[in-house]
Structure formats: C-alpha cells, structure tokens
Amino acid sequence: MTAALMLMLIAPVQSAGTDARPVAGAEPFGQTAREVMTVAVPFADEARFDACLDLATDDPPSGITAANEWLIEGGGYFARHCLGFAYAKDGRWAAAADSFTTAAREAERAQDNRATNLWTQAGNAALASGDPERALTLFDAAMAQGIAAGFMLGELHLDRARALVIANRPDEAEAAFAEAHRLVPEDPLAWLHSATLARRQGKLDRALADIDFAARLAPRDPEVALEAGNIAATAGNYDVARRNWTQAIDIRPDGPIAKTARGHLAQLDEAAASPQN
C-alpha cells in the first residue's frame, strides 16, 4: 500500500477517538445523581429530590422547570443539583456546568461532602461542553475536598486524563491515566482512552497492550473493537483492522460506532482496489 493511501486510511481513524463523553443513552456522568446520596447524611427533601431527578430523566424541559420552581422556594443546592442534571439530560452542557458549580460551592459552604460529587459532575459537564481547561479546574476542586478515595479517586484521575487529552497536554494525561490504572485497574474505559492516546502519540506497543487489556475487560464493547481496529490500521495490519471494525459493527449494528467502522471499512476497500496498490 502506498504512503498516500495509508495516510488516507489513518488520518480519519486518528480523528475518530473516543474522548467525547457521555455516550448517548448513558448516564451523563460516571456516578449517577442518586449515588451521590450515599456519601452524605439524609436530608429533609430527599423524596422531592428523587422526584425531580425522575422528571428530569423522563422529560428534561419539565425537569428544568420543576428544579427552578424548587429553587425559588428555597431548595438550595439540592434544587441546583437537579437543575444541573436536567440541563445535562437536555444536552445543555454549559448550563449544566454552571448549575453544578453553584451547587458545589453551596454544598462546600455547608460542609456537605456531596460537594465532591457536585464538583465532579460540573467538570464532566464542562468537558462535554468543549471546555477542557474549565473541566480541569473543576476536577481539581473535587480532589481538593479530600473526600475522594479508591474507586472515586481513580475515576477522577480518569476524568482529568480525558480533559488533559482534549486540552492537548499528553504528558500530563499519561500520568493521570497511570493513576487511574493503579486505582481502578478493572475499568475498561481507562484502558481504552489510554490506548487511543498512545496511538495518537505513535506509541503503538503501548497502544496495543492497553487495548488488549480493555478488550479482555469488555470483550463486547463496540468502542473497544473500533479502537483495536484503529490501532491495527495505524500499525499497517489491515486484515486485523478489518476484523476489529467488522466486530464493532456486529456488536451494535446501529449507532455512531458502527457508522464510523463502516466508513473505515469502505476506505480500506477503496484503498485495496486502487491501481496504486
């Protein structure tokens, strides 16, 4: 295969990373809004909070209205938490980041350890809005609470690594991924993202090792199969790339991952049929 044809294949592969989160249909953050309830004492309006989240999940615009009404009535940072969640469900990421940030500040002033999760959710919303530098500031605020440990701390390092990748700070991202791997070694997403970073840096041995680990942890994840194909194509192993991209389609035929994989396969077929080959 000629150098020109190889570039034609690899260039779009490199832009098809998996850095953007959340995935459609998934929870907007690594920890659900309800899970934050486990890190602090109960509060008087827990039933209203749950009802607000349920409404925001089923009907985000109505959830936004309900959260604002509760806020006017004095719902404080619990109402702001629900408002941020509703904005996130509605895809209004910058507004979600603002709401979570205000909620986190208010929770921090109240010495409520829910602040850690709220800062984290604010960071994820900022990252989804396309502002990695703001996301990093918010993730650092979450760490500064001194509450995160174990799994939660590992996920925070993963969040920071993703933001650092998008901010084009790869060396710092590598260090953050290393901490995530140490603290949450069974999280396939951490290995998937570190494999993508290694591929983009041209560190193919590391990329292959990381994606292999991700595949063992999540053998039926189409994103893992897609990235395995990306890495194989970057290394010039086009038969392996074809198998992995085909697997990504077979696992979940509908959706953006399958669409990307089909595009890569079409380019591979076009390159193979070229008279320059």
C-alpha atoms as a PDB file:
ATOM      1  CA  MET A   1       0.000   0.000   0.000  1.00  0.00           C
ATOM      2  CA  THR A   2       1.405   3.416  -0.919  1.00  0.00           C
ATOM      3  CA  ALA A   3       2.173   6.081   1.658  1.00  0.00           C
ATOM      4  CA  ALA A   4      -0.593   8.288   0.247  1.00  0.00           C
ATOM      5  CA  LEU A   5      -3.182   5.543   0.569  1.00  0.00           C
ATOM      6  CA  MET A   6      -2.024   4.718   4.071  1.00  0.00           C
ATOM      7  CA  LEU A   7      -2.470   8.365   5.084  1.00  0.00           C
ATOM      8  CA  MET A   8      -5.935   8.354   3.565  1.00  0.00           C
ATOM      9  CA  LEU A   9      -6.852   5.469   5.845  1.00  0.00           C
ATOM     10  CA  ILE A  10      -5.114   6.557   9.006  1.00  0.00           C
ATOM     11  CA  ALA A  11      -5.981  10.256   9.090  1.00  0.00           C
ATOM     12  CA  PRO A  12      -9.733   9.755   9.641  1.00  0.00           C
ATOM     13  CA  VAL A  13      -9.005   6.897  12.020  1.00  0.00           C
ATOM     14  CA  GLN A  14      -6.962   9.219  14.208  1.00  0.00           C
ATOM     15  CA  SER A  15      -9.797  11.703  14.404  1.00  0.00           C
ATOM     16  CA  ALA A  16     -12.257   9.020  15.411  1.00  0.00           C
ATOM     17  CA  GLY A  17     -11.195   8.716  19.001  1.00  0.00           C
ATOM     18  CA  THR A  18     -13.439   8.041  21.955  1.00  0.00           C
ATOM     19  CA  ASP A  19     -12.628  11.097  24.030  1.00  0.00           C
ATOM     20  CA  ALA A  20     -16.038  12.702  23.849  1.00  0.00           C
ATOM     21  CA  ARG A  21     -18.266  11.652  26.712  1.00  0.00           C
ATOM     22  CA  PRO A  22     -21.009  10.976  27.561  1.00  0.00           C
ATOM     23  CA  VAL A  23     -22.325   8.466  25.040  1.00  0.00           C
ATOM     24  CA  ALA A  24     -25.933   8.894  24.008  1.00  0.00           C
ATOM     25  CA  GLY A  25     -28.187   6.813  26.210  1.00  0.00           C
ATOM     26  CA  ALA A  26     -25.686   6.592  29.045  1.00  0.00           C
ATOM     27  CA  GLU A  27     -25.780   8.333  32.388  1.00  0.00           C
ATOM     28  CA  PRO A  28     -24.347  11.830  31.853  1.00  0.00           C
ATOM     29  CA  PHE A  29     -21.649  11.236  34.446  1.00  0.00           C
ATOM     30  CA  GLY A  30     -19.600   8.392  35.797  1.00  0.00           C
ATOM     31  CA  GLN A  31     -21.557   8.410  39.061  1.00  0.00           C
ATOM     32  CA  THR A  32     -25.328   8.740  38.931  1.00  0.00           C
ATOM     33  CA  ALA A  33     -27.107  11.547  40.697  1.00  0.00           C
ATOM     34  CA  ARG A  34     -28.615   9.061  43.127  1.00  0.00           C
ATOM     35  CA  GLU A  35     -25.264   7.543  44.031  1.00  0.00           C
ATOM     36  CA  VAL A  36     -24.180  10.867  45.491  1.00  0.00           C
ATOM     37  CA  MET A  37     -26.796  10.277  48.186  1.00  0.00           C
ATOM     38  CA  THR A  38     -24.618   7.535  49.674  1.00  0.00           C
ATOM     39  CA  VAL A  39     -21.804   9.918  50.645  1.00  0.00           C
ATOM     40  CA  ALA A  40     -23.754  12.206  52.971  1.00  0.00           C
ATOM     41  CA  VAL A  41     -26.431  12.113  55.629  1.00  0.00           C
ATOM     42  CA  PRO A  42     -30.094  12.092  54.501  1.00  0.00           C
ATOM     43  CA  PHE A  43     -31.868  15.410  54.045  1.00  0.00           C
ATOM     44  CA  ALA A  44     -35.452  16.514  54.525  1.00  0.00           C
ATOM     45  CA  ASP A  45     -36.408  16.835  50.854  1.00  0.00           C
ATOM     46  CA  GLU A  46     -34.977  13.525  49.644  1.00  0.00           C
ATOM     47  CA  ALA A  47     -38.339  12.478  48.175  1.00  0.00           C
ATOM     48  CA  ARG A  48     -38.617  15.734  46.254  1.00  0.00           C
ATOM     49  CA  PHE A  49     -35.046  15.368  45.028  1.00  0.00           C
ATOM     50  CA  ASP A  50     -35.788  11.861  43.728  1.00  0.00           C
ATOM     51  CA  ALA A  51     -38.991  13.050  42.087  1.00  0.00           C
ATOM     52  CA  CYS A  52     -37.128  15.915  40.456  1.00  0.00           C
ATOM     53  CA  LEU A  53     -34.494  13.554  39.065  1.00  0.00           C
ATOM     54  CA  ASP A  54     -37.157  11.178  37.775  1.00  0.00           C
ATOM     55  CA  LEU A  55     -38.918  14.013  35.987  1.00  0.00           C
ATOM     56  CA  ALA A  56     -35.637  15.311  34.551  1.00  0.00           C
ATOM     57  CA  THR A  57     -34.809  11.840  33.275  1.00  0.00           C
ATOM     58  CA  ASP A  58     -38.176  11.340  31.566  1.00  0.00           C
ATOM     59  CA  ASP A  59     -38.793  14.915  30.432  1.00  0.00           C
ATOM     60  CA  PRO A  60     -35.736  17.225  30.754  1.00  0.00           C
ATOM     61  CA  PRO A  61     -37.553  20.511  29.968  1.00  0.00           C
ATOM     62  CA  SER A  62     -40.157  19.746  32.636  1.00  0.00           C
ATOM     63  CA  GLY A  63     -37.341  18.809  34.998  1.00  0.00           C
ATOM     64  CA  ILE A  64     -35.712  22.196  34.379  1.00  0.00           C
ATOM     65  CA  THR A  65     -38.993  23.944  35.197  1.00  0.00           C
ATOM     66  CA  ALA A  66     -39.546  21.882  38.349  1.00  0.00           C
ATOM     67  CA  ALA A  67     -35.981  22.445  39.564  1.00  0.00           C
ATOM     68  CA  ASN A  68     -36.252  26.206  39.034  1.00  0.00           C
ATOM     69  CA  GLU A  69     -39.558  26.292  40.911  1.00  0.00           C
ATOM     70  CA  TRP A  70     -37.962  24.371  43.780  1.00  0.00           C
ATOM     71  CA  LEU A  71     -35.010  26.757  43.711  1.00  0.00           C
ATOM     72  CA  ILE A  72     -37.346  29.756  44.055  1.00  0.00           C
ATOM     73  CA  GLU A  73     -38.972  28.014  47.014  1.00  0.00           C
ATOM     74  CA  GLY A  74     -35.605  27.677  48.744  1.00  0.00           C
ATOM     75  CA  GLY A  75     -34.425  24.279  47.520  1.00  0.00           C
ATOM     76  CA  GLY A  76     -30.795  25.388  47.682  1.00  0.00           C
ATOM     77  CA  TYR A  77     -28.061  23.198  46.299  1.00  0.00           C
ATOM     78  CA  PHE A  78     -30.326  20.159  46.081  1.00  0.00           C
ATOM     79  CA  ALA A  79     -32.555  22.041  43.646  1.00  0.00           C
ATOM     80  CA  ARG A  80     -29.451  23.280  41.782  1.00  0.00           C
ATOM     81  CA  HIS A  81     -28.176  19.698  41.626  1.00  0.00           C
ATOM     82  CA  CYS A  82     -31.421  18.584  39.991  1.00  0.00           C
ATOM     83  CA  LEU A  83     -31.312  21.618  37.677  1.00  0.00           C
ATOM     84  CA  GLY A  84     -27.816  20.684  36.524  1.00  0.00           C
ATOM     85  CA  PHE A  85     -28.914  17.099  35.988  1.00  0.00           C
ATOM     86  CA  ALA A  86     -31.929  18.254  33.939  1.00  0.00           C
ATOM     87  CA  TYR A  87     -29.766  20.561  31.816  1.00  0.00           C
ATOM     88  CA  ALA A  88     -27.375  17.661  31.201  1.00  0.00           C
ATOM     89  CA  LYS A  89     -30.217  15.386  30.157  1.00  0.00           C
ATOM     90  CA  ASP A  90     -31.328  18.136  27.770  1.00  0.00           C
ATOM     91  CA  GLY A  91     -27.823  18.384  26.287  1.00  0.00           C
ATOM     92  CA  ARG A  92     -27.290  21.921  27.624  1.00  0.00           C
ATOM     93  CA  TRP A  93     -23.828  21.208  28.963  1.00  0.00           C
ATOM     94  CA  ALA A  94     -22.590  24.734  29.684  1.00  0.00           C
ATOM     95  CA  ALA A  95     -25.740  25.489  31.688  1.00  0.00           C
ATOM     96  CA  ALA A  96     -25.340  22.161  33.490  1.00  0.00           C
ATOM     97  CA  ALA A  97     -21.747  23.020  34.396  1.00  0.00           C
ATOM     98  CA  ASP A  98     -22.858  26.384  35.799  1.00  0.00           C
ATOM     99  CA  SER A  99     -25.624  24.802  37.899  1.00  0.00           C
ATOM    100  CA  PHE A 100     -23.407  22.052  39.266  1.00  0.00           C
ATOM    101  CA  THR A 101     -20.641  24.563  40.046  1.00  0.00           C
ATOM    102  CA  THR A 102     -23.006  26.773  42.051  1.00  0.00           C
ATOM    103  CA  ALA A 103     -24.411  23.720  43.826  1.00  0.00           C
ATOM    104  CA  ALA A 104     -20.889  22.527  44.649  1.00  0.00           C
ATOM    105  CA  ARG A 105     -19.926  25.898  46.135  1.00  0.00           C
ATOM    106  CA  GLU A 106     -23.081  25.972  48.252  1.00  0.00           C
ATOM    107  CA  ALA A 107     -22.553  22.382  49.430  1.00  0.00           C
ATOM    108  CA  GLU A 108     -18.945  23.205  50.278  1.00  0.00           C
ATOM    109  CA  ARG A 109     -20.025  26.198  52.379  1.00  0.00           C
ATOM    110  CA  ALA A 110     -22.477  23.906  54.164  1.00  0.00           C
ATOM    111  CA  GLN A 111     -19.623  21.434  54.782  1.00  0.00           C
ATOM    112  CA  ASP A 112     -21.615  18.768  52.966  1.00  0.00           C
ATOM    113  CA  ASN A 113     -19.384  16.144  51.409  1.00  0.00           C
ATOM    114  CA  ARG A 114     -21.741  15.942  48.450  1.00  0.00           C
ATOM    115  CA  ALA A 115     -19.608  18.833  47.184  1.00  0.00           C
ATOM    116  CA  THR A 116     -17.038  16.353  45.866  1.00  0.00           C
ATOM    117  CA  ASN A 117     -19.525  14.689  43.556  1.00  0.00           C
ATOM    118  CA  LEU A 118     -21.018  18.025  42.501  1.00  0.00           C
ATOM    119  CA  TRP A 119     -17.599  19.400  41.521  1.00  0.00           C
ATOM    120  CA  THR A 120     -17.007  16.191  39.554  1.00  0.00           C
ATOM    121  CA  GLN A 121     -20.323  16.473  37.746  1.00  0.00           C
ATOM    122  CA  ALA A 122     -19.580  20.126  36.989  1.00  0.00           C
ATOM    123  CA  GLY A 123     -16.264  19.071  35.477  1.00  0.00           C
ATOM    124  CA  ASN A 124     -17.852  16.419  33.310  1.00  0.00           C
ATOM    125  CA  ALA A 125     -20.464  18.884  32.100  1.00  0.00           C
ATOM    126  CA  ALA A 126     -17.755  21.432  31.270  1.00  0.00           C
ATOM    127  CA  LEU A 127     -15.840  18.740  29.392  1.00  0.00           C
ATOM    128  CA  ALA A 128     -18.952  17.789  27.430  1.00  0.00           C
ATOM    129  CA  SER A 129     -19.458  21.474  26.593  1.00  0.00           C
ATOM    130  CA  GLY A 130     -15.999  21.551  24.972  1.00  0.00           C
ATOM    131  CA  ASP A 131     -14.127  23.427  27.723  1.00  0.00           C
ATOM    132  CA  PRO A 132     -11.378  21.093  28.992  1.00  0.00           C
ATOM    133  CA  GLU A 133      -9.475  23.778  30.893  1.00  0.00           C
ATOM    134  CA  ARG A 134     -12.544  24.679  32.923  1.00  0.00           C
ATOM    135  CA  ALA A 135     -13.181  20.972  33.434  1.00  0.00           C
ATOM    136  CA  LEU A 136      -9.693  20.536  34.880  1.00  0.00           C
ATOM    137  CA  THR A 137     -10.251  23.383  37.334  1.00  0.00           C
ATOM    138  CA  LEU A 138     -13.487  21.758  38.475  1.00  0.00           C
ATOM    139  CA  PHE A 139     -11.959  18.278  38.774  1.00  0.00           C
ATOM    140  CA  ASP A 140      -9.136  19.787  40.839  1.00  0.00           C
ATOM    141  CA  ALA A 141     -11.771  21.360  43.100  1.00  0.00           C
ATOM    142  CA  ALA A 142     -13.299  17.914  43.583  1.00  0.00           C
ATOM    143  CA  MET A 143      -9.929  16.473  44.568  1.00  0.00           C
ATOM    144  CA  ALA A 144      -9.265  19.383  46.914  1.00  0.00           C
ATOM    145  CA  GLN A 145     -12.202  18.281  49.086  1.00  0.00           C
ATOM    146  CA  GLY A 146     -10.063  15.390  50.311  1.00  0.00           C
ATOM    147  CA  ILE A 147     -13.062  13.045  50.271  1.00  0.00           C
ATOM    148  CA  ALA A 148     -12.422  11.058  47.089  1.00  0.00           C
ATOM    149  CA  ALA A 149     -10.579   7.776  47.613  1.00  0.00           C
ATOM    150  CA  GLY A 150     -10.306   4.381  45.957  1.00  0.00           C
ATOM    151  CA  PHE A 151     -12.723   3.973  43.073  1.00  0.00           C
ATOM    152  CA  MET A 152     -13.977   7.573  43.204  1.00  0.00           C
ATOM    153  CA  LEU A 153     -10.421   8.948  43.154  1.00  0.00           C
ATOM    154  CA  GLY A 154      -9.481   6.644  40.286  1.00  0.00           C
ATOM    155  CA  GLU A 155     -12.442   7.856  38.268  1.00  0.00           C
ATOM    156  CA  LEU A 156     -11.448  11.452  38.991  1.00  0.00           C
ATOM    157  CA  HIS A 157      -7.977  10.758  37.619  1.00  0.00           C
ATOM    158  CA  LEU A 158      -9.620   9.244  34.535  1.00  0.00           C
ATOM    159  CA  ASP A 159     -11.792  12.329  34.124  1.00  0.00           C
ATOM    160  CA  ARG A 160      -8.711  14.536  34.409  1.00  0.00           C
ATOM    161  CA  ALA A 161      -6.858  12.396  31.874  1.00  0.00           C
ATOM    162  CA  ARG A 162      -9.672  12.773  29.358  1.00  0.00           C
ATOM    163  CA  ALA A 163      -9.684  16.539  29.855  1.00  0.00           C
ATOM    164  CA  LEU A 164      -5.904  16.711  29.508  1.00  0.00           C
ATOM    165  CA  VAL A 165      -6.067  14.792  26.226  1.00  0.00           C
ATOM    166  CA  ILE A 166      -8.597  17.222  24.819  1.00  0.00           C
ATOM    167  CA  ALA A 167      -6.535  20.157  26.142  1.00  0.00           C
ATOM    168  CA  ASN A 168      -3.539  18.769  24.190  1.00  0.00           C
ATOM    169  CA  ARG A 169      -1.462  18.087  27.291  1.00  0.00           C
ATOM    170  CA  PRO A 170      -0.497  14.473  26.529  1.00  0.00           C
ATOM    171  CA  ASP A 171       2.350  14.061  29.020  1.00  0.00           C
ATOM    172  CA  GLU A 172       0.116  15.107  31.915  1.00  0.00           C
ATOM    173  CA  ALA A 173      -2.639  12.899  30.513  1.00  0.00           C
ATOM    174  CA  GLU A 174      -0.308   9.891  30.568  1.00  0.00           C
ATOM    175  CA  ALA A 175       0.430  10.486  34.252  1.00  0.00           C
ATOM    176  CA  ALA A 176      -3.281  10.805  35.029  1.00  0.00           C
ATOM    177  CA  PHE A 177      -4.045   7.586  33.143  1.00  0.00           C
ATOM    178  CA  ALA A 178      -1.311   5.826  35.141  1.00  0.00           C
ATOM    179  CA  GLU A 179      -3.049   6.855  38.374  1.00  0.00           C
ATOM    180  CA  ALA A 180      -6.411   5.723  37.018  1.00  0.00           C
ATOM    181  CA  HIS A 181      -4.945   2.337  36.061  1.00  0.00           C
ATOM    182  CA  ARG A 182      -3.450   1.982  39.541  1.00  0.00           C
ATOM    183  CA  LEU A 183      -6.662   2.836  41.375  1.00  0.00           C
ATOM    184  CA  VAL A 184      -9.292   1.346  39.037  1.00  0.00           C
ATOM    185  CA  PRO A 185      -7.456  -1.347  37.069  1.00  0.00           C
ATOM    186  CA  GLU A 186     -10.720  -3.061  36.118  1.00  0.00           C
ATOM    187  CA  ASP A 187     -12.192  -0.035  34.338  1.00  0.00           C
ATOM    188  CA  PRO A 188     -12.042  -0.777  30.596  1.00  0.00           C
ATOM    189  CA  LEU A 189     -12.748   2.849  29.718  1.00  0.00           C
ATOM    190  CA  ALA A 190      -9.444   3.934  31.258  1.00  0.00           C
ATOM    191  CA  TRP A 191      -7.527   1.402  29.155  1.00  0.00           C
ATOM    192  CA  LEU A 192      -9.495   2.331  26.037  1.00  0.00           C
ATOM    193  CA  HIS A 193      -8.708   6.029  26.387  1.00  0.00           C
ATOM    194  CA  SER A 194      -5.043   5.468  27.229  1.00  0.00           C
ATOM    195  CA  ALA A 195      -4.766   3.199  24.168  1.00  0.00           C
ATOM    196  CA  THR A 196      -6.222   5.979  21.994  1.00  0.00           C
ATOM    197  CA  LEU A 197      -3.731   8.483  23.397  1.00  0.00           C
ATOM    198  CA  ALA A 198      -0.815   6.105  22.851  1.00  0.00           C
ATOM    199  CA  ARG A 199      -1.894   5.530  19.237  1.00  0.00           C
ATOM    200  CA  ARG A 200      -2.019   9.245  18.568  1.00  0.00           C
ATOM    201  CA  GLN A 201       1.443   9.617  20.059  1.00  0.00           C
ATOM    202  CA  GLY A 202       2.793   6.840  17.845  1.00  0.00           C
ATOM    203  CA  LYS A 203       3.470   4.585  20.846  1.00  0.00           C
ATOM    204  CA  LEU A 204       1.979   1.521  19.196  1.00  0.00           C
ATOM    205  CA  ASP A 205       3.382  -1.095  21.571  1.00  0.00           C
ATOM    206  CA  ARG A 206       1.717   0.703  24.473  1.00  0.00           C
ATOM    207  CA  ALA A 207      -1.477   1.213  22.469  1.00  0.00           C
ATOM    208  CA  LEU A 208      -1.656  -2.499  21.627  1.00  0.00           C
ATOM    209  CA  ALA A 209      -1.067  -3.516  25.238  1.00  0.00           C
ATOM    210  CA  ASP A 210      -3.705  -1.127  26.571  1.00  0.00           C
ATOM    211  CA  ILE A 211      -6.374  -2.022  24.032  1.00  0.00           C
ATOM    212  CA  ASP A 212      -5.745  -5.715  24.672  1.00  0.00           C
ATOM    213  CA  PHE A 213      -6.413  -5.097  28.362  1.00  0.00           C
ATOM    214  CA  ALA A 214      -9.569  -3.171  27.517  1.00  0.00           C
ATOM    215  CA  ALA A 215     -10.748  -5.994  25.248  1.00  0.00           C
ATOM    216  CA  ARG A 216     -10.261  -8.568  27.985  1.00  0.00           C
ATOM    217  CA  LEU A 217     -12.311  -6.450  30.391  1.00  0.00           C
ATOM    218  CA  ALA A 218     -15.013  -5.538  27.849  1.00  0.00           C
ATOM    219  CA  PRO A 219     -14.985  -8.092  25.003  1.00  0.00           C
ATOM    220  CA  ARG A 220     -18.375  -6.944  23.695  1.00  0.00           C
ATOM    221  CA  ASP A 221     -17.780  -3.205  23.724  1.00  0.00           C
ATOM    222  CA  PRO A 222     -18.002  -1.775  20.173  1.00  0.00           C
ATOM    223  CA  GLU A 223     -15.811   1.222  21.067  1.00  0.00           C
ATOM    224  CA  VAL A 224     -13.037  -1.113  22.169  1.00  0.00           C
ATOM    225  CA  ALA A 225     -13.328  -3.071  18.907  1.00  0.00           C
ATOM    226  CA  LEU A 226     -13.286   0.162  16.903  1.00  0.00           C
ATOM    227  CA  GLU A 227     -10.152   1.413  18.617  1.00  0.00           C
ATOM    228  CA  ALA A 228      -8.482  -2.000  18.238  1.00  0.00           C
ATOM    229  CA  GLY A 229      -9.062  -1.626  14.505  1.00  0.00           C
ATOM    230  CA  ASN A 230      -7.719   1.933  14.567  1.00  0.00           C
ATOM    231  CA  ILE A 231      -4.525   0.780  16.254  1.00  0.00           C
ATOM    232  CA  ALA A 232      -4.110  -2.154  13.865  1.00  0.00           C
ATOM    233  CA  ALA A 233      -4.562   0.149  10.862  1.00  0.00           C
ATOM    234  CA  THR A 234      -2.047   2.614  12.253  1.00  0.00           C
ATOM    235  CA  ALA A 235       0.417  -0.276  12.571  1.00  0.00           C
ATOM    236  CA  GLY A 236      -0.302  -1.337   8.981  1.00  0.00           C
ATOM    237  CA  ASN A 237      -2.112  -4.546   9.986  1.00  0.00           C
ATOM    238  CA  TYR A 238      -5.102  -4.030   7.720  1.00  0.00           C
ATOM    239  CA  ASP A 239      -6.513  -7.565   7.963  1.00  0.00           C
ATOM    240  CA  VAL A 240      -6.610  -7.242  11.743  1.00  0.00           C
ATOM    241  CA  ALA A 241      -8.140  -3.785  11.412  1.00  0.00           C
ATOM    242  CA  ARG A 242     -10.840  -5.173   9.139  1.00  0.00           C
ATOM    243  CA  ARG A 243     -11.708  -7.914  11.645  1.00  0.00           C
ATOM    244  CA  ASN A 244     -11.977  -5.472  14.517  1.00  0.00           C
ATOM    245  CA  TRP A 245     -14.046  -2.914  12.634  1.00  0.00           C
ATOM    246  CA  THR A 246     -16.351  -5.686  11.443  1.00  0.00           C
ATOM    247  CA  GLN A 247     -16.705  -6.852  15.030  1.00  0.00           C
ATOM    248  CA  ALA A 248     -17.615  -3.312  16.140  1.00  0.00           C
ATOM    249  CA  ILE A 249     -20.462  -3.362  13.610  1.00  0.00           C
ATOM    250  CA  ASP A 250     -21.597  -6.861  14.582  1.00  0.00           C
ATOM    251  CA  ILE A 251     -21.750  -5.993  18.287  1.00  0.00           C
ATOM    252  CA  ARG A 252     -24.020  -2.991  17.774  1.00  0.00           C
ATOM    253  CA  PRO A 253     -25.089  -2.517  14.145  1.00  0.00           C
ATOM    254  CA  ASP A 254     -26.874   0.769  14.781  1.00  0.00           C
ATOM    255  CA  GLY A 255     -25.352   3.954  16.117  1.00  0.00           C
ATOM    256  CA  PRO A 256     -22.286   6.132  15.618  1.00  0.00           C
ATOM    257  CA  ILE A 257     -19.649   3.481  16.342  1.00  0.00           C
ATOM    258  CA  ALA A 258     -20.942   1.178  13.606  1.00  0.00           C
ATOM    259  CA  LYS A 259     -21.199   4.131  11.223  1.00  0.00           C
ATOM    260  CA  THR A 260     -17.570   5.071  11.862  1.00  0.00           C
ATOM    261  CA  ALA A 261     -16.438   1.461  11.438  1.00  0.00           C
ATOM    262  CA  ARG A 262     -18.302   1.151   8.129  1.00  0.00           C
ATOM    263  CA  GLY A 263     -16.596   4.313   6.923  1.00  0.00           C
ATOM    264  CA  HIS A 264     -13.182   2.884   7.773  1.00  0.00           C
ATOM    265  CA  LEU A 265     -14.002  -0.395   6.032  1.00  0.00           C
ATOM    266  CA  ALA A 266     -15.147   1.482   2.932  1.00  0.00           C
ATOM    267  CA  GLN A 267     -11.840   3.364   2.849  1.00  0.00           C
ATOM    268  CA  LEU A 268      -9.968   0.113   3.303  1.00  0.00           C
ATOM    269  CA  ASP A 269     -11.836  -1.428   0.350  1.00  0.00           C
ATOM    270  CA  GLU A 270     -11.245   1.679  -1.758  1.00  0.00           C
ATOM    271  CA  ALA A 271      -7.548   1.627  -0.995  1.00  0.00           C
ATOM    272  CA  ALA A 272      -7.285  -2.087  -1.749  1.00  0.00           C
ATOM    273  CA  ALA A 273      -8.964  -1.570  -5.118  1.00  0.00           C
ATOM    274  CA  SER A 274      -6.769   1.338  -6.105  1.00  0.00           C
ATOM    275  CA  PRO A 275      -4.419   0.709  -9.059  1.00  0.00           C
ATOM    276  CA  GLN A 276      -1.658   2.305  -6.994  1.00  0.00           C
ATOM    277  CA  ASN A 277      -1.825  -0.616  -4.584  1.00  0.00           C
END
